[in-house]
Every structure is written in structure tokens, then in C-alpha cells.
Amino acid sequence: MKLFLEHPAAAIYCYAKVTDCQADEENYLVTLHYELIREPDQDLLIKAALHQQQKLLRQRSLNRDR
């Protein structure tokens, strides 16, 4: 599969196995288990997750201060 990240801007190629798939009215939530992913790509995923977490924490902080 190919994953395209916004921050850091990157494309990650890996093998993954679908372990669950749930549909709602407009979207699907797909749970994957990574089978094979290169170490540099693992690092990119971690950076992307940390960036997203920082963004959410900043947003919560701003909402709390209002």
C-alpha cells in the first residue's frame, strides 16, 4: 500500500494486512496491521503521529483558554 503524509510531506510504501473494516454512512474505518515497513518509513510515521498529536494538544489548549 501507499501512504501519503502531509507533514512531513512523504510517501511511504509498505505491506499491510486489513484486520478490520467498519462502514458508516459516508466513510470506512480500516484497521491495518503492518507486515513489512522499512525502518526509515517507520521513523516518518512516528514523526507524522507526533506532529498530529502536537496539533491536537495545541487545539485543546486554545479551546480550554477560551
PDB file of N, CA and C in Angstrom:
ATOM      1  N   MET A   1       0.831  -1.169   0.000  1.00  0.00           N
ATOM      2  CA  MET A   1       0.000   0.000   0.000  1.00  0.00           C
ATOM      3  C   MET A   1       0.878   1.233   0.000  1.00  0.00           C
ATOM      4  N   LYS A   2       0.289   2.367  -0.357  1.00  0.00           N
ATOM      5  CA  LYS A   2       0.999   3.646  -0.341  1.00  0.00           C
ATOM      6  C   LYS A   2       0.296   4.574   0.642  1.00  0.00           C
ATOM      7  N   LEU A   3       1.066   5.185   1.497  1.00  0.00           N
ATOM      8  CA  LEU A   3       0.547   6.194   2.414  1.00  0.00           C
ATOM      9  C   LEU A   3       1.158   7.528   2.030  1.00  0.00           C
ATOM     10  N   PHE A   4       0.331   8.539   1.926  1.00  0.00           N
ATOM     11  CA  PHE A   4       0.819   9.876   1.627  1.00  0.00           C
ATOM     12  C   PHE A   4       0.634  10.734   2.869  1.00  0.00           C
ATOM     13  N   LEU A   5       1.733  11.273   3.381  1.00  0.00           N
ATOM     14  CA  LEU A   5       1.708  12.088   4.590  1.00  0.00           C
ATOM     15  C   LEU A   5       1.788  13.564   4.225  1.00  0.00           C
ATOM     16  N   GLU A   6       1.075  14.377   5.005  1.00  0.00           N
ATOM     17  CA  GLU A   6       1.140  15.829   4.794  1.00  0.00           C
ATOM     18  C   GLU A   6       2.356  16.422   5.471  1.00  0.00           C
ATOM     19  N   HIS A   7       2.595  16.008   6.723  1.00  0.00           N
ATOM     20  CA  HIS A   7       3.720  16.569   7.472  1.00  0.00           C
ATOM     21  C   HIS A   7       4.418  15.476   8.242  1.00  0.00           C
ATOM     22  N   PRO A   8       5.618  15.124   7.960  1.00  0.00           N
ATOM     23  CA  PRO A   8       6.424  15.646   6.866  1.00  0.00           C
ATOM     24  C   PRO A   8       5.894  15.121   5.532  1.00  0.00           C
ATOM     25  N   ALA A   9       5.996  15.941   4.509  1.00  0.00           N
ATOM     26  CA  ALA A   9       5.500  15.550   3.186  1.00  0.00           C
ATOM     27  C   ALA A   9       6.304  14.350   2.694  1.00  0.00           C
ATOM     28  N   ALA A  10       5.625  13.215   2.563  1.00  0.00           N
ATOM     29  CA  ALA A  10       6.335  11.994   2.172  1.00  0.00           C
ATOM     30  C   ALA A  10       5.340  10.948   1.692  1.00  0.00           C
ATOM     31  N   ALA A  11       5.854   9.984   0.966  1.00  0.00           N
ATOM     32  CA  ALA A  11       5.082   8.807   0.571  1.00  0.00           C
ATOM     33  C   ALA A  11       5.774   7.592   1.167  1.00  0.00           C
ATOM     34  N   ILE A  12       4.991   6.719   1.740  1.00  0.00           N
ATOM     35  CA  ILE A  12       5.513   5.519   2.371  1.00  0.00           C
ATOM     36  C   ILE A  12       4.923   4.312   1.665  1.00  0.00           C
ATOM     37  N   TYR A  13       5.771   3.383   1.300  1.00  0.00           N
ATOM     38  CA  TYR A  13       5.340   2.143   0.670  1.00  0.00           C
ATOM     39  C   TYR A  13       5.543   1.013   1.676  1.00  0.00           C
ATOM     40  N   CYS A  14       4.515   0.192   1.856  1.00  0.00           N
ATOM     41  CA  CYS A  14       4.625  -0.891   2.824  1.00  0.00           C
ATOM     42  C   CYS A  14       3.617  -1.988   2.480  1.00  0.00           C
ATOM     43  N   TYR A  15       3.763  -3.091   3.171  1.00  0.00           N
ATOM     44  CA  TYR A  15       2.791  -4.175   3.089  1.00  0.00           C
ATOM     45  C   TYR A  15       2.000  -4.172   4.385  1.00  0.00           C
ATOM     46  N   ALA A  16       0.692  -4.288   4.258  1.00  0.00           N
ATOM     47  CA  ALA A  16      -0.164  -4.315   5.434  1.00  0.00           C
ATOM     48  C   ALA A  16      -1.321  -5.281   5.197  1.00  0.00           C
ATOM     49  N   LYS A  17      -1.844  -5.791   6.305  1.00  0.00           N
ATOM     50  CA  LYS A  17      -2.965  -6.719   6.249  1.00  0.00           C
ATOM     51  C   LYS A  17      -4.165  -6.051   6.903  1.00  0.00           C
ATOM     52  N   VAL A  18      -5.309  -6.068   6.240  1.00  0.00           N
ATOM     53  CA  VAL A  18      -6.531  -5.496   6.800  1.00  0.00           C
ATOM     54  C   VAL A  18      -7.026  -6.428   7.900  1.00  0.00           C
ATOM     55  N   THR A  19      -7.186  -5.875   9.117  1.00  0.00           N
ATOM     56  CA  THR A  19      -7.661  -6.683  10.233  1.00  0.00           C
ATOM     57  C   THR A  19      -9.104  -6.365  10.597  1.00  0.00           C
ATOM     58  N   ASP A  20      -9.601  -5.201  10.157  1.00  0.00           N
ATOM     59  CA  ASP A  20     -10.984  -4.829  10.449  1.00  0.00           C
ATOM     60  C   ASP A  20     -11.415  -3.736   9.477  1.00  0.00           C
ATOM     61  N   CYS A  21     -12.688  -3.711   9.168  1.00  0.00           N
ATOM     62  CA  CYS A  21     -13.236  -2.682   8.289  1.00  0.00           C
ATOM     63  C   CYS A  21     -14.656  -2.380   8.742  1.00  0.00           C
ATOM     64  N   GLN A  22     -14.910  -1.109   9.058  1.00  0.00           N
ATOM     65  CA  GLN A  22     -16.232  -0.691   9.513  1.00  0.00           C
ATOM     66  C   GLN A  22     -16.716   0.459   8.638  1.00  0.00           C
ATOM     67  N   ALA A  23     -17.964   0.381   8.242  1.00  0.00           N
ATOM     68  CA  ALA A  23     -18.537   1.417   7.379  1.00  0.00           C
ATOM     69  C   ALA A  23     -19.557   2.231   8.164  1.00  0.00           C
ATOM     70  N   ASP A  24     -19.573   3.546   7.892  1.00  0.00           N
ATOM     71  CA  ASP A  24     -20.682   4.368   8.365  1.00  0.00           C
ATOM     72  C   ASP A  24     -21.377   4.920   7.132  1.00  0.00           C
ATOM     73  N   GLU A  25     -22.129   5.995   7.267  1.00  0.00           N
ATOM     74  CA  GLU A  25     -22.917   6.495   6.137  1.00  0.00           C
ATOM     75  C   GLU A  25     -22.064   6.947   4.957  1.00  0.00           C
ATOM     76  N   GLU A  26     -20.898   7.537   5.229  1.00  0.00           N
ATOM     77  CA  GLU A  26     -20.098   8.113   4.150  1.00  0.00           C
ATOM     78  C   GLU A  26     -18.670   7.594   4.059  1.00  0.00           C
ATOM     79  N   ASN A  27     -18.150   6.978   5.121  1.00  0.00           N
ATOM     80  CA  ASN A  27     -16.736   6.623   5.184  1.00  0.00           C
ATOM     81  C   ASN A  27     -16.533   5.191   5.636  1.00  0.00           C
ATOM     82  N   TYR A  28     -15.283   4.772   5.541  1.00  0.00           N
ATOM     83  CA  TYR A  28     -14.853   3.480   6.068  1.00  0.00           C
ATOM     84  C   TYR A  28     -13.727   3.713   7.059  1.00  0.00           C
ATOM     85  N   LEU A  29     -13.729   2.952   8.126  1.00  0.00           N
ATOM     86  CA  LEU A  29     -12.619   2.941   9.071  1.00  0.00           C
ATOM     87  C   LEU A  29     -11.940   1.588   8.903  1.00  0.00           C
ATOM     88  N   VAL A  30     -10.717   1.614   8.391  1.00  0.00           N
ATOM     89  CA  VAL A  30      -9.985   0.387   8.094  1.00  0.00           C
ATOM     90  C   VAL A  30      -8.819   0.278   9.069  1.00  0.00           C
ATOM     91  N   THR A  31      -8.738  -0.846   9.757  1.00  0.00           N
ATOM     92  CA  THR A  31      -7.639  -1.120  10.676  1.00  0.00           C
ATOM     93  C   THR A  31      -6.653  -2.038   9.974  1.00  0.00           C
ATOM     94  N   LEU A  32      -5.383  -1.629  10.003  1.00  0.00           N
ATOM     95  CA  LEU A  32      -4.342  -2.373   9.304  1.00  0.00           C
ATOM     96  C   LEU A  32      -3.279  -2.861  10.277  1.00  0.00           C
ATOM     97  N   HIS A  33      -2.675  -3.971   9.945  1.00  0.00           N
ATOM     98  CA  HIS A  33      -1.503  -4.472  10.663  1.00  0.00           C
ATOM     99  C   HIS A  33      -0.354  -4.432   9.666  1.00  0.00           C
ATOM    100  N   TYR A  34       0.671  -3.631   9.974  1.00  0.00           N
ATOM    101  CA  TYR A  34       1.812  -3.530   9.068  1.00  0.00           C
ATOM    102  C   TYR A  34       2.575  -4.844   9.059  1.00  0.00           C
ATOM    103  N   GLU A  35       2.765  -5.394   7.881  1.00  0.00           N
ATOM    104  CA  GLU A  35       3.503  -6.640   7.726  1.00  0.00           C
ATOM    105  C   GLU A  35       4.977  -6.371   7.417  1.00  0.00           C
ATOM    106  N   LEU A  36       5.236  -5.376   6.586  1.00  0.00           N
ATOM    107  CA  LEU A  36       6.610  -5.043   6.210  1.00  0.00           C
ATOM    108  C   LEU A  36       6.684  -3.547   5.955  1.00  0.00           C
ATOM    109  N   ILE A  37       7.539  -2.885   6.711  1.00  0.00           N
ATOM    110  CA  ILE A  37       7.743  -1.448   6.537  1.00  0.00           C
ATOM    111  C   ILE A  37       9.207  -1.148   6.863  1.00  0.00           C
ATOM    112  N   ARG A  38       9.842  -0.378   6.003  1.00  0.00           N
ATOM    113  CA  ARG A  38      11.266  -0.063   6.197  1.00  0.00           C
ATOM    114  C   ARG A  38      11.453   0.821   7.428  1.00  0.00           C
ATOM    115  N   GLU A  39      12.609   0.712   8.048  1.00  0.00           N
ATOM    116  CA  GLU A  39      12.888   1.491   9.252  1.00  0.00           C
ATOM    117  C   GLU A  39      12.800   3.006   9.016  1.00  0.00           C
ATOM    118  N   PRO A  40      13.342   3.544   7.901  1.00  0.00           N
ATOM    119  CA  PRO A  40      13.185   4.995   7.674  1.00  0.00           C
ATOM    120  C   PRO A  40      11.712   5.406   7.545  1.00  0.00           C
ATOM    121  N   ASP A  41      10.897   4.525   6.976  1.00  0.00           N
ATOM    122  CA  ASP A  41       9.470   4.831   6.854  1.00  0.00           C
ATOM    123  C   ASP A  41       8.768   4.756   8.211  1.00  0.00           C
ATOM    124  N   GLN A  42       9.230   3.862   9.082  1.00  0.00           N
ATOM    125  CA  GLN A  42       8.701   3.817  10.442  1.00  0.00           C
ATOM    126  C   GLN A  42       8.960   5.145  11.141  1.00  0.00           C
ATOM    127  N   ASP A  43      10.170   5.668  10.955  1.00  0.00           N
ATOM    128  CA  ASP A  43      10.521   6.958  11.557  1.00  0.00           C
ATOM    129  C   ASP A  43       9.622   8.072  11.038  1.00  0.00           C
ATOM    130  N   LEU A  44       9.341   8.059   9.736  1.00  0.00           N
ATOM    131  CA  LEU A  44       8.445   9.074   9.169  1.00  0.00           C
ATOM    132  C   LEU A  44       7.048   8.978   9.767  1.00  0.00           C
ATOM    133  N   LEU A  45       6.550   7.757   9.946  1.00  0.00           N
ATOM    134  CA  LEU A  45       5.230   7.576  10.554  1.00  0.00           C
ATOM    135  C   LEU A  45       5.196   8.096  11.981  1.00  0.00           C
ATOM    136  N   ILE A  46       6.256   7.846  12.720  1.00  0.00           N
ATOM    137  CA  ILE A  46       6.326   8.339  14.101  1.00  0.00           C
ATOM    138  C   ILE A  46       6.344   9.859  14.122  1.00  0.00           C
ATOM    139  N   LYS A  47       7.136  10.472  13.235  1.00  0.00           N
ATOM    140  CA  LYS A  47       7.174  11.942  13.155  1.00  0.00           C
ATOM    141  C   LYS A  47       5.803  12.504  12.816  1.00  0.00           C
ATOM    142  N   ALA A  48       5.114  11.869  11.871  1.00  0.00           N
ATOM    143  CA  ALA A  48       3.786  12.337  11.470  1.00  0.00           C
ATOM    144  C   ALA A  48       2.796  12.212  12.630  1.00  0.00           C
ATOM    145  N   ALA A  49       2.872  11.115  13.367  1.00  0.00           N
ATOM    146  CA  ALA A  49       1.975  10.919  14.507  1.00  0.00           C
ATOM    147  C   ALA A  49       2.248  11.945  15.601  1.00  0.00           C
ATOM    148  N   LEU A  50       3.512  12.211  15.872  1.00  0.00           N
ATOM    149  CA  LEU A  50       3.858  13.212  16.888  1.00  0.00           C
ATOM    150  C   LEU A  50       3.417  14.609  16.470  1.00  0.00           C
ATOM    151  N   HIS A  51       3.562  14.930  15.194  1.00  0.00           N
ATOM    152  CA  HIS A  51       3.111  16.227  14.690  1.00  0.00           C
ATOM    153  C   HIS A  51       1.599  16.374  14.884  1.00  0.00           C
ATOM    154  N   GLN A  52       0.859  15.326  14.548  1.00  0.00           N
ATOM    155  CA  GLN A  52      -0.603  15.363  14.697  1.00  0.00           C
ATOM    156  C   GLN A  52      -0.992  15.483  16.167  1.00  0.00           C
ATOM    157  N   GLN A  53      -0.277  14.789  17.034  1.00  0.00           N
ATOM    158  CA  GLN A  53      -0.554  14.863  18.462  1.00  0.00           C
ATOM    159  C   GLN A  53      -0.298  16.270  18.996  1.00  0.00           C
ATOM    160  N   GLN A  54       0.795  16.897  18.569  1.00  0.00           N
ATOM    161  CA  GLN A  54       1.081  18.276  18.983  1.00  0.00           C
ATOM    162  C   GLN A  54      -0.028  19.215  18.534  1.00  0.00           C
ATOM    163  N   LYS A  55      -0.497  19.021  17.311  1.00  0.00           N
ATOM    164  CA  LYS A  55      -1.563  19.854  16.766  1.00  0.00           C
ATOM    165  C   LYS A  55      -2.839  19.735  17.614  1.00  0.00           C
ATOM    166  N   LEU A  56      -3.191  18.508  17.975  1.00  0.00           N
ATOM    167  CA  LEU A  56      -4.378  18.286  18.798  1.00  0.00           C
ATOM    168  C   LEU A  56      -4.222  18.890  20.189  1.00  0.00           C
ATOM    169  N   LEU A  57      -3.034  18.759  20.780  1.00  0.00           N
ATOM    170  CA  LEU A  57      -2.803  19.324  22.109  1.00  0.00           C
ATOM    171  C   LEU A  57      -2.884  20.846  22.087  1.00  0.00           C
ATOM    172  N   ARG A  58      -2.320  21.471  21.035  1.00  0.00           N
ATOM    173  CA  ARG A  58      -2.419  22.931  20.900  1.00  0.00           C
ATOM    174  C   ARG A  58      -3.877  23.361  20.777  1.00  0.00           C
ATOM    175  N   GLN A  59      -4.636  22.625  19.974  1.00  0.00           N
ATOM    176  CA  GLN A  59      -6.044  22.957  19.768  1.00  0.00           C
ATOM    177  C   GLN A  59      -6.824  22.824  21.073  1.00  0.00           C
ATOM    178  N   ARG A  60      -6.574  21.776  21.845  1.00  0.00           N
ATOM    179  CA  ARG A  60      -7.251  21.595  23.135  1.00  0.00           C
ATOM    180  C   ARG A  60      -6.887  22.705  24.095  1.00  0.00           C
ATOM    181  N   SER A  61      -5.624  23.103  24.085  1.00  0.00           N
ATOM    182  CA  SER A  61      -5.169  24.170  24.954  1.00  0.00           C
ATOM    183  C   SER A  61      -5.872  25.489  24.612  1.00  0.00           C
ATOM    184  N   LEU A  62      -5.972  25.778  23.333  1.00  0.00           N
ATOM    185  CA  LEU A  62      -6.657  27.007  22.910  1.00  0.00           C
ATOM    186  C   LEU A  62      -8.133  26.979  23.272  1.00  0.00           C
ATOM    187  N   ASN A  63      -8.769  25.832  23.108  1.00  0.00           N
ATOM    188  CA  ASN A  63     -10.197  25.703  23.452  1.00  0.00           C
ATOM    189  C   ASN A  63     -10.408  25.834  24.954  1.00  0.00           C
ATOM    190  N   ARG A  64      -9.475  25.343  25.746  1.00  0.00           N
ATOM    191  CA  ARG A  64      -9.580  25.412  27.193  1.00  0.00           C
ATOM    192  C   ARG A  64      -9.418  26.858  27.680  1.00  0.00           C
ATOM    193  N   ASP A  65      -8.568  27.644  27.014  1.00  0.00           N
ATOM    194  CA  ASP A  65      -8.311  29.022  27.411  1.00  0.00           C
ATOM    195  C   ASP A  65      -9.459  29.964  27.063  1.00  0.00           C
ATOM    196  N   ARG A  66     -10.335  29.544  26.209  1.00  0.00           N
ATOM    197  CA  ARG A  66     -11.446  30.426  25.793  1.00  0.00           C
ATOM    198  C   ARG A  66     -12.528  30.507  26.810  1.00  0.00           C
TER     199      ARG A  66
END
